[in-house]
C-alpha atoms as a PDB file:
ATOM      1  CA  MET A   1     -42.249 -37.604 -45.016  1.00  0.00           C
ATOM      2  CA  LEU A   2     -41.458 -34.392 -43.126  1.00  0.00           C
ATOM      3  CA  TYR A   3     -41.691 -30.960 -44.714  1.00  0.00           C
ATOM      4  CA  PRO A   4     -42.645 -27.412 -43.587  1.00  0.00           C
ATOM      5  CA  LEU A   5     -46.243 -27.532 -42.372  1.00  0.00           C
ATOM      6  CA  ARG A   6     -48.726 -24.714 -42.927  1.00  0.00           C
ATOM      7  CA  PHE A   7     -51.850 -24.597 -40.757  1.00  0.00           C
ATOM      8  CA  THR A   8     -55.461 -23.553 -41.278  1.00  0.00           C
ATOM      9  CA  PRO A   9     -56.434 -21.035 -38.556  1.00  0.00           C
ATOM     10  CA  LEU A  10     -59.329 -21.564 -36.167  1.00  0.00           C
ATOM     11  CA  PHE A  11     -61.451 -18.514 -35.361  1.00  0.00           C
ATOM     12  CA  LYS A  12     -62.818 -17.734 -31.907  1.00  0.00           C
ATOM     13  CA  GLU A  13     -65.790 -15.437 -31.341  1.00  0.00           C
ATOM     14  CA  ARG A  14     -65.227 -13.149 -28.355  1.00  0.00           C
ATOM     15  CA  VAL A  15     -67.404 -10.470 -26.775  1.00  0.00           C
ATOM     16  CA  TRP A  16     -64.505  -8.009 -27.185  1.00  0.00           C
ATOM     17  CA  GLY A  17     -63.652  -9.063 -30.768  1.00  0.00           C
ATOM     18  CA  GLY A  18     -64.121  -7.254 -34.074  1.00  0.00           C
ATOM     19  CA  ARG A  19     -63.585  -7.633 -37.811  1.00  0.00           C
ATOM     20  CA  ARG A  20     -60.012  -6.445 -38.367  1.00  0.00           C
ATOM     21  CA  LEU A  21     -58.571  -9.929 -38.806  1.00  0.00           C
ATOM     22  CA  ALA A  22     -60.322  -9.931 -42.199  1.00  0.00           C
ATOM     23  CA  ARG A  23     -57.249  -8.183 -43.614  1.00  0.00           C
ATOM     24  CA  PHE A  24     -55.379 -11.437 -42.995  1.00  0.00           C
ATOM     25  CA  TYR A  25     -58.299 -13.777 -43.688  1.00  0.00           C
ATOM     26  CA  PRO A  26     -60.860 -12.584 -46.278  1.00  0.00           C
ATOM     27  CA  ASP A  27     -63.077 -15.565 -45.415  1.00  0.00           C
ATOM     28  CA  LEU A  28     -63.358 -14.521 -41.745  1.00  0.00           C
ATOM     29  CA  PRO A  29     -66.634 -15.938 -40.383  1.00  0.00           C
ATOM     30  CA  PRO A  30     -69.336 -13.516 -39.232  1.00  0.00           C
ATOM     31  CA  GLY A  31     -69.494 -12.154 -35.721  1.00  0.00           C
ATOM     32  CA  PRO A  32     -67.060 -10.486 -33.312  1.00  0.00           C
ATOM     33  CA  ILE A  33     -63.931 -12.537 -34.025  1.00  0.00           C
ATOM     34  CA  GLY A  34     -61.395 -11.883 -31.300  1.00  0.00           C
ATOM     35  CA  GLU A  35     -58.861 -14.654 -31.880  1.00  0.00           C
ATOM     36  CA  ALA A  36     -57.349 -16.577 -34.758  1.00  0.00           C
ATOM     37  CA  TRP A  37     -55.504 -19.608 -33.445  1.00  0.00           C
ATOM     38  CA  VAL A  38     -52.959 -19.967 -36.221  1.00  0.00           C
ATOM     39  CA  LEU A  39     -50.867 -22.842 -34.851  1.00  0.00           C
ATOM     40  CA  SER A  40     -52.256 -24.879 -32.003  1.00  0.00           C
ATOM     41  CA  ASP A  41     -52.519 -28.418 -30.757  1.00  0.00           C
ATOM     42  CA  HIS A  42     -54.396 -27.504 -27.583  1.00  0.00           C
ATOM     43  CA  PRO A  43     -57.552 -29.565 -26.919  1.00  0.00           C
ATOM     44  CA  GLN A  44     -59.644 -26.381 -27.146  1.00  0.00           C
ATOM     45  CA  GLY A  45     -58.544 -25.918 -30.760  1.00  0.00           C
ATOM     46  CA  ARG A  46     -56.282 -28.074 -32.907  1.00  0.00           C
ATOM     47  CA  THR A  47     -55.334 -26.340 -36.172  1.00  0.00           C
ATOM     48  CA  PRO A  48     -55.376 -28.700 -39.171  1.00  0.00           C
ATOM     49  CA  ILE A  49     -52.426 -28.980 -41.528  1.00  0.00           C
ATOM     50  CA  ALA A  50     -53.207 -27.162 -44.788  1.00  0.00           C
ATOM     51  CA  ASN A  51     -50.539 -28.401 -47.203  1.00  0.00           C
ATOM     52  CA  GLY A  52     -48.853 -31.523 -48.550  1.00  0.00           C
ATOM     53  CA  PRO A  53     -49.493 -35.217 -47.883  1.00  0.00           C
ATOM     54  CA  TRP A  54     -50.570 -34.576 -44.271  1.00  0.00           C
ATOM     55  CA  ALA A  55     -53.225 -31.961 -45.188  1.00  0.00           C
ATOM     56  CA  GLY A  56     -56.310 -32.241 -42.992  1.00  0.00           C
ATOM     57  CA  GLU A  57     -54.460 -33.941 -40.141  1.00  0.00           C
ATOM     58  CA  THR A  58     -53.759 -32.206 -36.830  1.00  0.00           C
ATOM     59  CA  LEU A  59     -50.288 -32.008 -35.366  1.00  0.00           C
ATOM     60  CA  SER A  60     -51.109 -34.566 -32.677  1.00  0.00           C
ATOM     61  CA  GLY A  61     -52.646 -36.824 -35.314  1.00  0.00           C
ATOM     62  CA  LEU A  62     -49.499 -36.597 -37.409  1.00  0.00           C
ATOM     63  CA  ARG A  63     -47.282 -37.353 -34.437  1.00  0.00           C
ATOM     64  CA  GLU A  64     -49.308 -40.478 -33.627  1.00  0.00           C
ATOM     65  CA  HIS A  65     -48.267 -41.843 -37.040  1.00  0.00           C
ATOM     66  CA  LEU A  66     -44.557 -41.163 -36.492  1.00  0.00           C
ATOM     67  CA  PRO A  67     -42.071 -43.552 -34.885  1.00  0.00           C
ATOM     68  CA  PRO A  68     -40.016 -41.979 -32.065  1.00  0.00           C
ATOM     69  CA  GLU A  69     -37.040 -41.123 -34.259  1.00  0.00           C
ATOM     70  CA  ARG A  70     -39.249 -39.289 -36.775  1.00  0.00           C
ATOM     71  CA  ASP A  71     -41.094 -37.480 -33.990  1.00  0.00           C
ATOM     72  CA  ALA A  72     -37.685 -36.239 -32.795  1.00  0.00           C
ATOM     73  CA  ALA A  73     -36.919 -35.177 -36.364  1.00  0.00           C
ATOM     74  CA  LEU A  74     -40.132 -33.126 -36.363  1.00  0.00           C
ATOM     75  CA  MET A  75     -40.104 -31.651 -32.871  1.00  0.00           C
ATOM     76  CA  GLY A  76     -36.388 -31.658 -32.022  1.00  0.00           C
ATOM     77  CA  ALA A  77     -34.457 -33.744 -29.523  1.00  0.00           C
ATOM     78  CA  ARG A  78     -34.163 -30.874 -27.052  1.00  0.00           C
ATOM     79  CA  VAL A  79     -37.925 -30.253 -27.135  1.00  0.00           C
ATOM     80  CA  LEU A  80     -38.742 -33.908 -26.464  1.00  0.00           C
ATOM     81  CA  ALA A  81     -36.155 -34.059 -23.669  1.00  0.00           C
ATOM     82  CA  ARG A  82     -38.211 -31.479 -21.742  1.00  0.00           C
ATOM     83  CA  GLY A  83     -40.749 -34.260 -21.127  1.00  0.00           C
ATOM     84  CA  GLU A  84     -43.815 -32.129 -21.858  1.00  0.00           C
ATOM     85  CA  GLU A  85     -46.944 -33.685 -23.275  1.00  0.00           C
ATOM     86  CA  GLY A  86     -48.139 -32.405 -26.632  1.00  0.00           C
ATOM     87  CA  PHE A  87     -47.003 -29.392 -28.612  1.00  0.00           C
ATOM     88  CA  PRO A  88     -45.652 -26.819 -26.136  1.00  0.00           C
ATOM     89  CA  LEU A  89     -46.713 -23.517 -27.750  1.00  0.00           C
ATOM     90  CA  LEU A  90     -49.774 -21.757 -29.151  1.00  0.00           C
ATOM     91  CA  PHE A  91     -49.766 -18.924 -31.707  1.00  0.00           C
ATOM     92  CA  LYS A  92     -52.579 -16.402 -32.170  1.00  0.00           C
ATOM     93  CA  LEU A  93     -53.622 -13.169 -33.814  1.00  0.00           C
ATOM     94  CA  LEU A  94     -55.938 -11.083 -31.622  1.00  0.00           C
ATOM     95  CA  ASP A  95     -58.350  -8.271 -32.533  1.00  0.00           C
ATOM     96  CA  ALA A  96     -59.332  -6.227 -29.462  1.00  0.00           C
ATOM     97  CA  GLN A  97     -62.274  -4.117 -30.634  1.00  0.00           C
ATOM     98  CA  ASP A  98     -63.104  -3.561 -26.953  1.00  0.00           C
ATOM     99  CA  ASP A  99     -61.117  -3.780 -23.722  1.00  0.00           C
ATOM    100  CA  LEU A 100     -60.248  -7.295 -22.591  1.00  0.00           C
ATOM    101  CA  SER A 101     -60.722  -8.286 -18.974  1.00  0.00           C
ATOM    102  CA  ILE A 102     -57.966  -7.453 -16.512  1.00  0.00           C
ATOM    103  CA  GLN A 103     -56.497 -10.902 -15.965  1.00  0.00           C
ATOM    104  CA  VAL A 104     -53.596 -13.055 -14.902  1.00  0.00           C
ATOM    105  CA  HIS A 105     -52.305 -16.467 -15.970  1.00  0.00           C
ATOM    106  CA  PRO A 106     -50.793 -19.068 -13.615  1.00  0.00           C
ATOM    107  CA  ALA A 107     -47.331 -20.600 -13.733  1.00  0.00           C
ATOM    108  CA  ASP A 108     -46.656 -24.278 -14.398  1.00  0.00           C
ATOM    109  CA  ASP A 109     -46.448 -25.063 -10.680  1.00  0.00           C
ATOM    110  CA  PHE A 110     -49.711 -23.358  -9.649  1.00  0.00           C
ATOM    111  CA  PRO A 111     -51.641 -25.979  -7.627  1.00  0.00           C
ATOM    112  CA  GLY A 112     -55.019 -24.929  -9.011  1.00  0.00           C
ATOM    113  CA  LEU A 113     -54.227 -25.687 -12.654  1.00  0.00           C
ATOM    114  CA  PRO A 114     -56.829 -27.855 -14.405  1.00  0.00           C
ATOM    115  CA  PRO A 115     -55.606 -31.408 -15.107  1.00  0.00           C
ATOM    116  CA  GLY A 116     -53.310 -31.554 -18.113  1.00  0.00           C
ATOM    117  CA  GLU A 117     -52.925 -27.763 -18.371  1.00  0.00           C
ATOM    118  CA  ARG A 118     -49.660 -25.819 -18.479  1.00  0.00           C
ATOM    119  CA  GLY A 119     -49.034 -22.418 -17.060  1.00  0.00           C
ATOM    120  CA  LYS A 120     -49.228 -19.515 -19.456  1.00  0.00           C
ATOM    121  CA  THR A 121     -46.282 -17.251 -20.150  1.00  0.00           C
ATOM    122  CA  GLU A 122     -46.815 -15.219 -23.315  1.00  0.00           C
ATOM    123  CA  MET A 123     -45.716 -12.241 -25.399  1.00  0.00           C
ATOM    124  CA  TRP A 124     -47.411  -9.678 -27.641  1.00  0.00           C
ATOM    125  CA  VAL A 125     -46.243  -7.959 -30.813  1.00  0.00           C
ATOM    126  CA  VAL A 126     -48.475  -4.963 -31.564  1.00  0.00           C
ATOM    127  CA  LEU A 127     -49.414  -4.948 -35.268  1.00  0.00           C
ATOM    128  CA  GLU A 128     -52.089  -2.225 -35.234  1.00  0.00           C
ATOM    129  CA  ALA A 129     -52.889   0.404 -32.621  1.00  0.00           C
ATOM    130  CA  GLU A 130     -55.487   3.151 -32.774  1.00  0.00           C
ATOM    131  CA  PRO A 131     -54.296   6.512 -31.389  1.00  0.00           C
ATOM    132  CA  GLY A 132     -54.318   6.388 -27.610  1.00  0.00           C
ATOM    133  CA  ALA A 133     -54.763   2.608 -27.397  1.00  0.00           C
ATOM    134  CA  ARG A 134     -53.524   1.235 -24.074  1.00  0.00           C
ATOM    135  CA  ILE A 135     -52.657  -1.987 -22.310  1.00  0.00           C
ATOM    136  CA  VAL A 136     -52.410  -3.027 -18.679  1.00  0.00           C
ATOM    137  CA  HIS A 137     -48.863  -4.258 -18.059  1.00  0.00           C
ATOM    138  CA  GLY A 138     -48.472  -5.056 -14.383  1.00  0.00           C
ATOM    139  CA  LEU A 139     -49.471  -3.184 -11.257  1.00  0.00           C
ATOM    140  CA  ALA A 140     -49.204   0.558 -10.681  1.00  0.00           C
ATOM    141  CA  GLU A 141     -46.024   1.769  -9.031  1.00  0.00           C
ATOM    142  CA  GLY A 142     -45.986   0.931  -5.342  1.00  0.00           C
ATOM    143  CA  VAL A 143     -48.934  -1.486  -5.467  1.00  0.00           C
ATOM    144  CA  THR A 144     -48.204  -4.826  -3.766  1.00  0.00           C
ATOM    145  CA  ARG A 145     -50.177  -8.064  -3.869  1.00  0.00           C
ATOM    146  CA  ASP A 146     -51.823  -7.078  -0.574  1.00  0.00           C
ATOM    147  CA  GLY A 147     -52.584  -3.653  -1.996  1.00  0.00           C
ATOM    148  CA  LEU A 148     -54.134  -5.246  -5.068  1.00  0.00           C
ATOM    149  CA  ALA A 149     -56.295  -7.505  -2.892  1.00  0.00           C
ATOM    150  CA  ALA A 150     -57.503  -4.451  -0.953  1.00  0.00           C
ATOM    151  CA  ALA A 151     -58.242  -2.555  -4.188  1.00  0.00           C
ATOM    152  CA  VAL A 152     -60.286  -5.498  -5.503  1.00  0.00           C
ATOM    153  CA  ARG A 153     -62.289  -5.725  -2.259  1.00  0.00           C
ATOM    154  CA  GLU A 154     -62.985  -1.988  -2.363  1.00  0.00           C
ATOM    155  CA  GLY A 155     -63.958  -1.847  -6.039  1.00  0.00           C
ATOM    156  CA  ARG A 156     -60.772   0.016  -7.066  1.00  0.00           C
ATOM    157  CA  THR A 157     -59.186  -2.650  -9.256  1.00  0.00           C
ATOM    158  CA  VAL A 158     -58.574  -0.316 -12.194  1.00  0.00           C
ATOM    159  CA  GLU A 159     -56.763   2.183  -9.951  1.00  0.00           C
ATOM    160  CA  ALA A 160     -54.210  -0.495  -9.053  1.00  0.00           C
ATOM    161  CA  MET A 161     -53.186  -1.082 -12.672  1.00  0.00           C
ATOM    162  CA  ARG A 162     -50.210   0.186 -14.681  1.00  0.00           C
ATOM    163  CA  PHE A 163     -51.483   1.503 -18.023  1.00  0.00           C
ATOM    164  CA  LEU A 164     -49.214   2.040 -21.032  1.00  0.00           C
ATOM    165  CA  THR A 165     -50.068   3.748 -24.312  1.00  0.00           C
ATOM    166  CA  VAL A 166     -48.830   1.550 -27.154  1.00  0.00           C
ATOM    167  CA  ARG A 167     -47.940   1.861 -30.827  1.00  0.00           C
ATOM    168  CA  PRO A 168     -47.395  -0.561 -33.706  1.00  0.00           C
ATOM    169  CA  GLY A 169     -44.165  -2.507 -33.332  1.00  0.00           C
ATOM    170  CA  ASP A 170     -44.183  -2.569 -29.533  1.00  0.00           C
ATOM    171  CA  VAL A 171     -43.222  -5.918 -28.008  1.00  0.00           C
ATOM    172  CA  TYR A 172     -44.335  -6.964 -24.517  1.00  0.00           C
ATOM    173  CA  TYR A 173     -43.222 -10.005 -22.551  1.00  0.00           C
ATOM    174  CA  LEU A 174     -45.848 -11.301 -20.109  1.00  0.00           C
ATOM    175  CA  PRO A 175     -44.462 -13.906 -17.693  1.00  0.00           C
ATOM    176  CA  ALA A 176     -46.991 -15.998 -15.802  1.00  0.00           C
ATOM    177  CA  GLY A 177     -48.278 -14.079 -12.783  1.00  0.00           C
ATOM    178  CA  LEU A 178     -48.166 -10.639 -14.435  1.00  0.00           C
ATOM    179  CA  VAL A 179     -51.521  -8.849 -14.323  1.00  0.00           C
ATOM    180  CA  HIS A 180     -52.329  -7.586 -17.824  1.00  0.00           C
ATOM    181  CA  ALA A 181     -54.998  -6.691 -20.376  1.00  0.00           C
ATOM    182  CA  LEU A 182     -55.271  -5.580 -23.971  1.00  0.00           C
ATOM    183  CA  GLY A 183     -57.183  -2.359 -24.454  1.00  0.00           C
ATOM    184  CA  ALA A 184     -59.561  -1.470 -27.262  1.00  0.00           C
ATOM    185  CA  GLY A 185     -58.165  -0.640 -30.688  1.00  0.00           C
ATOM    186  CA  LEU A 186     -55.353  -3.195 -30.917  1.00  0.00           C
ATOM    187  CA  VAL A 187     -54.378  -6.060 -33.204  1.00  0.00           C
ATOM    188  CA  VAL A 188     -51.538  -8.173 -31.836  1.00  0.00           C
ATOM    189  CA  ALA A 189     -49.634 -11.357 -32.577  1.00  0.00           C
ATOM    190  CA  GLU A 190     -49.431 -13.531 -29.471  1.00  0.00           C
ATOM    191  CA  ILE A 191     -46.993 -16.338 -28.709  1.00  0.00           C
ATOM    192  CA  GLN A 192     -47.690 -18.341 -25.573  1.00  0.00           C
ATOM    193  CA  GLN A 193     -47.383 -21.626 -23.799  1.00  0.00           C
ATOM    194  CA  SER A 194     -50.064 -24.052 -24.952  1.00  0.00           C
ATOM    195  CA  SER A 195     -52.636 -23.194 -22.290  1.00  0.00           C
ATOM    196  CA  ASP A 196     -56.162 -21.826 -22.183  1.00  0.00           C
ATOM    197  CA  THR A 197     -56.269 -20.918 -18.470  1.00  0.00           C
ATOM    198  CA  THR A 198     -57.160 -17.309 -17.661  1.00  0.00           C
ATOM    199  CA  TYR A 199     -58.169 -15.871 -14.277  1.00  0.00           C
ATOM    200  CA  ARG A 200     -60.184 -12.638 -14.563  1.00  0.00           C
ATOM    201  CA  LEU A 201     -59.824  -9.965 -11.900  1.00  0.00           C
ATOM    202  CA  TYR A 202     -62.126  -7.385 -13.465  1.00  0.00           C
ATOM    203  CA  ASP A 203     -64.382  -7.282 -16.537  1.00  0.00           C
ATOM    204  CA  TYR A 204     -66.190  -3.924 -16.520  1.00  0.00           C
ATOM    205  CA  GLY A 205     -69.463  -5.604 -15.516  1.00  0.00           C
ATOM    206  CA  ARG A 206     -70.144  -6.669 -19.102  1.00  0.00           C
ATOM    207  CA  LEU A 207     -72.196  -9.591 -20.355  1.00  0.00           C
ATOM    208  CA  GLY A 208     -70.837 -12.456 -22.402  1.00  0.00           C
ATOM    209  CA  LEU A 209     -72.004 -13.548 -25.836  1.00  0.00           C
ATOM    210  CA  ASP A 210     -74.655 -15.645 -24.075  1.00  0.00           C
ATOM    211  CA  GLY A 211     -76.098 -12.548 -22.394  1.00  0.00           C
ATOM    212  CA  LYS A 212     -74.966 -13.643 -18.925  1.00  0.00           C
ATOM    213  CA  PRO A 213     -72.374 -11.942 -16.684  1.00  0.00           C
ATOM    214  CA  ARG A 214     -68.876 -13.249 -17.376  1.00  0.00           C
ATOM    215  CA  GLU A 215     -67.297 -15.223 -14.572  1.00  0.00           C
ATOM    216  CA  LEU A 216     -64.552 -13.690 -12.445  1.00  0.00           C
ATOM    217  CA  HIS A 217     -61.821 -15.760 -10.761  1.00  0.00           C
ATOM    218  CA  ILE A 218     -60.645 -13.355  -8.070  1.00  0.00           C
ATOM    219  CA  ASP A 219     -59.348 -15.900  -5.556  1.00  0.00           C
ATOM    220  CA  GLN A 220     -57.291 -17.780  -8.165  1.00  0.00           C
ATOM    221  CA  ALA A 221     -56.021 -14.548  -9.731  1.00  0.00           C
ATOM    222  CA  LEU A 222     -54.860 -13.131  -6.396  1.00  0.00           C
ATOM    223  CA  ALA A 223     -53.260 -16.465  -5.483  1.00  0.00           C
ATOM    224  CA  CYS A 224     -51.094 -16.647  -8.602  1.00  0.00           C
ATOM    225  CA  CYS A 225     -50.392 -12.961  -9.352  1.00  0.00           C
ATOM    226  CA  SER A 226     -47.010 -11.325  -8.871  1.00  0.00           C
ATOM    227  CA  ASP A 227     -46.098  -7.795  -7.833  1.00  0.00           C
ATOM    228  CA  ALA A 228     -42.628  -8.020  -9.402  1.00  0.00           C
ATOM    229  CA  PRO A 229     -41.779  -5.169 -11.800  1.00  0.00           C
ATOM    230  CA  PRO A 230     -42.908  -5.976 -15.355  1.00  0.00           C
ATOM    231  CA  PRO A 231     -40.263  -6.623 -18.024  1.00  0.00           C
ATOM    232  CA  ALA A 232     -39.264  -3.613 -20.107  1.00  0.00           C
ATOM    233  CA  PRO A 233     -40.935  -3.439 -23.540  1.00  0.00           C
ATOM    234  CA  ALA A 234     -39.008  -3.806 -26.799  1.00  0.00           C
ATOM    235  CA  GLN A 235     -39.581  -2.578 -30.354  1.00  0.00           C
ATOM    236  CA  LEU A 236     -39.533  -4.351 -33.705  1.00  0.00           C
ATOM    237  CA  GLY A 237     -37.451  -1.563 -35.220  1.00  0.00           C
ATOM    238  CA  LEU A 238     -35.912  -1.888 -38.684  1.00  0.00           C
ATOM    239  CA  PRO A 239     -33.601  -4.904 -38.609  1.00  0.00           C
ATOM    240  CA  GLU A 240     -30.862  -5.421 -41.127  1.00  0.00           C
ATOM    241  CA  PRO A 241     -32.391  -7.373 -44.043  1.00  0.00           C
ATOM    242  CA  ASN A 242     -32.012 -11.140 -43.942  1.00  0.00           C
ATOM    243  CA  ARG A 243     -30.986 -11.287 -40.326  1.00  0.00           C
ATOM    244  CA  TRP A 244     -32.877 -12.515 -37.253  1.00  0.00           C
ATOM    245  CA  GLU A 245     -32.941 -10.175 -34.244  1.00  0.00           C
ATOM    246  CA  THR A 246     -34.046 -11.638 -30.901  1.00  0.00           C
ATOM    247  CA  LEU A 247     -37.038  -9.923 -29.295  1.00  0.00           C
ATOM    248  CA  VAL A 248     -37.761 -12.186 -26.303  1.00  0.00           C
ATOM    249  CA  SER A 249     -35.723 -14.989 -24.776  1.00  0.00           C
ATOM    250  CA  SER A 250     -37.694 -16.928 -22.165  1.00  0.00           C
ATOM    251  CA  PRO A 251     -37.598 -20.428 -20.654  1.00  0.00           C
ATOM    252  CA  TYR A 252     -40.419 -21.424 -23.026  1.00  0.00           C
ATOM    253  CA  PHE A 253     -39.695 -19.701 -26.331  1.00  0.00           C
ATOM    254  CA  VAL A 254     -37.098 -17.557 -28.063  1.00  0.00           C
ATOM    255  CA  THR A 255     -38.695 -15.192 -30.562  1.00  0.00           C
ATOM    256  CA  ALA A 256     -36.824 -13.291 -33.258  1.00  0.00           C
ATOM    257  CA  HIS A 257     -37.926 -10.786 -35.890  1.00  0.00           C
ATOM    258  CA  GLY A 258     -36.649 -10.959 -39.438  1.00  0.00           C
ATOM    259  CA  ARG A 259     -37.101  -8.877 -42.585  1.00  0.00           C
ATOM    260  CA  CYS A 260     -36.620 -10.930 -45.748  1.00  0.00           C
ATOM    261  CA  ARG A 261     -35.399  -9.046 -48.799  1.00  0.00           C
ATOM    262  CA  GLY A 262     -34.566 -11.248 -51.776  1.00  0.00           C
ATOM    263  CA  ASP A 263     -33.127 -14.709 -51.157  1.00  0.00           C
ATOM    264  CA  TRP A 264     -32.433 -15.739 -47.536  1.00  0.00           C
ATOM    265  CA  PRO A 265     -30.888 -19.175 -46.770  1.00  0.00           C
ATOM    266  CA  GLN A 266     -31.917 -20.819 -43.473  1.00  0.00           C
ATOM    267  CA  GLU A 267     -30.696 -23.774 -41.402  1.00  0.00           C
ATOM    268  CA  THR A 268     -32.724 -25.553 -38.732  1.00  0.00           C
ATOM    269  CA  ASP A 269     -31.459 -26.398 -35.248  1.00  0.00           C
ATOM    270  CA  PRO A 270     -31.829 -30.186 -34.725  1.00  0.00           C
ATOM    271  CA  GLY A 271     -32.763 -29.547 -31.094  1.00  0.00           C
ATOM    272  CA  THR A 272     -35.992 -27.681 -31.826  1.00  0.00           C
ATOM    273  CA  PHE A 273     -38.664 -27.087 -34.432  1.00  0.00           C
ATOM    274  CA  GLU A 274     -38.987 -23.595 -35.887  1.00  0.00           C
ATOM    275  CA  ALA A 275     -42.327 -21.812 -36.081  1.00  0.00           C
ATOM    276  CA  LEU A 276     -42.744 -18.910 -38.494  1.00  0.00           C
ATOM    277  CA  MET A 277     -45.502 -16.283 -38.296  1.00  0.00           C
ATOM    278  CA  ILE A 278     -45.758 -14.101 -41.402  1.00  0.00           C
ATOM    279  CA  LEU A 279     -46.649 -10.532 -40.392  1.00  0.00           C
ATOM    280  CA  SER A 280     -46.620  -8.584 -43.672  1.00  0.00           C
ATOM    281  CA  GLY A 281     -45.485  -8.710 -47.276  1.00  0.00           C
ATOM    282  CA  ALA A 282     -45.220 -11.757 -49.518  1.00  0.00           C
ATOM    283  CA  GLY A 283     -42.652 -14.395 -50.404  1.00  0.00           C
ATOM    284  CA  ALA A 284     -41.968 -18.111 -50.585  1.00  0.00           C
ATOM    285  CA  ILE A 285     -40.474 -20.964 -48.598  1.00  0.00           C
ATOM    286  CA  ALA A 286     -38.509 -23.712 -50.397  1.00  0.00           C
ATOM    287  CA  TRP A 287     -36.978 -26.907 -49.010  1.00  0.00           C
ATOM    288  CA  PRO A 288     -34.906 -29.896 -50.126  1.00  0.00           C
ATOM    289  CA  GLY A 289     -36.624 -32.199 -52.578  1.00  0.00           C
ATOM    290  CA  GLY A 290     -38.114 -29.408 -54.668  1.00  0.00           C
ATOM    291  CA  GLY A 291     -40.912 -28.286 -52.383  1.00  0.00           C
ATOM    292  CA  GLU A 292     -41.906 -24.616 -52.534  1.00  0.00           C
ATOM    293  CA  GLU A 293     -44.979 -22.700 -51.358  1.00  0.00           C
ATOM    294  CA  PRO A 294     -46.009 -19.038 -51.134  1.00  0.00           C
ATOM    295  CA  LEU A 295     -45.932 -17.072 -47.890  1.00  0.00           C
ATOM    296  CA  ALA A 296     -48.646 -14.574 -46.947  1.00  0.00           C
ATOM    297  CA  PRO A 297     -49.562 -12.485 -43.871  1.00  0.00           C
ATOM    298  CA  GLY A 298     -51.423 -14.401 -41.185  1.00  0.00           C
ATOM    299  CA  GLN A 299     -49.818 -17.743 -42.012  1.00  0.00           C
ATOM    300  CA  ALA A 300     -48.107 -19.939 -39.439  1.00  0.00           C
ATOM    301  CA  TRP A 301     -45.559 -22.595 -40.433  1.00  0.00           C
ATOM    302  CA  LEU A 302     -43.892 -25.380 -38.485  1.00  0.00           C
ATOM    303  CA  VAL A 303     -40.453 -26.249 -39.864  1.00  0.00           C
ATOM    304  CA  PRO A 304     -39.203 -29.704 -38.758  1.00  0.00           C
ATOM    305  CA  ALA A 305     -36.082 -29.675 -36.599  1.00  0.00           C
ATOM    306  CA  ALA A 306     -34.233 -32.110 -38.866  1.00  0.00           C
ATOM    307  CA  LEU A 307     -35.109 -30.390 -42.149  1.00  0.00           C
ATOM    308  CA  GLY A 308     -31.667 -28.788 -42.376  1.00  0.00           C
ATOM    309  CA  PRO A 309     -31.187 -26.137 -45.067  1.00  0.00           C
ATOM    310  CA  TYR A 310     -34.195 -24.349 -46.525  1.00  0.00           C
ATOM    311  CA  ARG A 311     -34.744 -20.976 -48.149  1.00  0.00           C
ATOM    312  CA  LEU A 312     -36.949 -17.945 -47.687  1.00  0.00           C
ATOM    313  CA  SER A 313     -37.409 -15.425 -50.470  1.00  0.00           C
ATOM    314  CA  GLY A 314     -39.439 -12.321 -51.251  1.00  0.00           C
ATOM    315  CA  GLU A 315     -40.169  -9.172 -49.270  1.00  0.00           C
ATOM    316  CA  PHE A 316     -41.866  -9.828 -45.950  1.00  0.00           C
ATOM    317  CA  ASP A 317     -41.575  -9.537 -42.176  1.00  0.00           C
ATOM    318  CA  ALA A 318     -41.843 -12.612 -39.964  1.00  0.00           C
ATOM    319  CA  LEU A 319     -41.389 -13.899 -36.448  1.00  0.00           C
ATOM    320  CA  ARG A 320     -39.314 -17.030 -35.879  1.00  0.00           C
ATOM    321  CA  VAL A 321     -39.878 -19.012 -32.680  1.00  0.00           C
ATOM    322  CA  ARG A 322     -37.682 -21.749 -31.277  1.00  0.00           C
ATOM    323  CA  VAL A 323     -37.689 -23.640 -27.984  1.00  0.00           C
ATOM    324  CA  PRO A 324     -34.517 -22.933 -25.931  1.00  0.00           C
END
């Protein structure tokens, strides 16, 4: 039995985290919560299914029960044809109460990747931004990889960065190899390859939650970083109601923004699953056979590729993610 799957988020304590994710999750555990993994099948955090007959099972656990033809009906024939192991994407909400480390993620072909890991291309949608909040989005104008290496050796890493002031609704694409960092005062939705590999270039000399200095990975970061110009940012804007508008189209995910107003019929693509992240508002999702469940901010849903027609209703904003 395949139906739209809702997931229970997993919360990650981070030294730079805060408490602002409580507006999505009133039962947020204590401590500086920096990340909510809202849809993941990565070994570092597998989100359990929250609804229907498969409640309590993880996505990988569910797939182990499915014969190949039903797994294709869930994931999509095009997704399985890519030959990747496991679920290819990971969805998060992040609360940056403090600056994150200046960091870089490797590409799929980086020779130093841990066994079984993918590279990490990702994107951010800024949901909240305090006045003056900034991000690092690539290197400063004119800085090359060699120039970055020299700046790191000389203790001038921050000077080599390109800082941007951001606002709610900004959208940033972060291909593997792009040096980047979230600054303090931001809440973002993140869509990424299913990877947990981060190489830190600089971390402000701070201590981790264990009271020890946080590890840097300068050699790996310099080996996999790129000095190519960063992609231009986009904006959520005000899309026409009941229409998907593409924000990012990458080799790993195609992300669109939609604003549901009233009743909005949908149709899945048999080549790929659909993942929905609810950003604001309230509504419902209904599917063949009489199933219907409410939608709320902070939820992530996986819609099976072979589901066919289904319906969204209410007044809410969401992201829809497909695999190209």
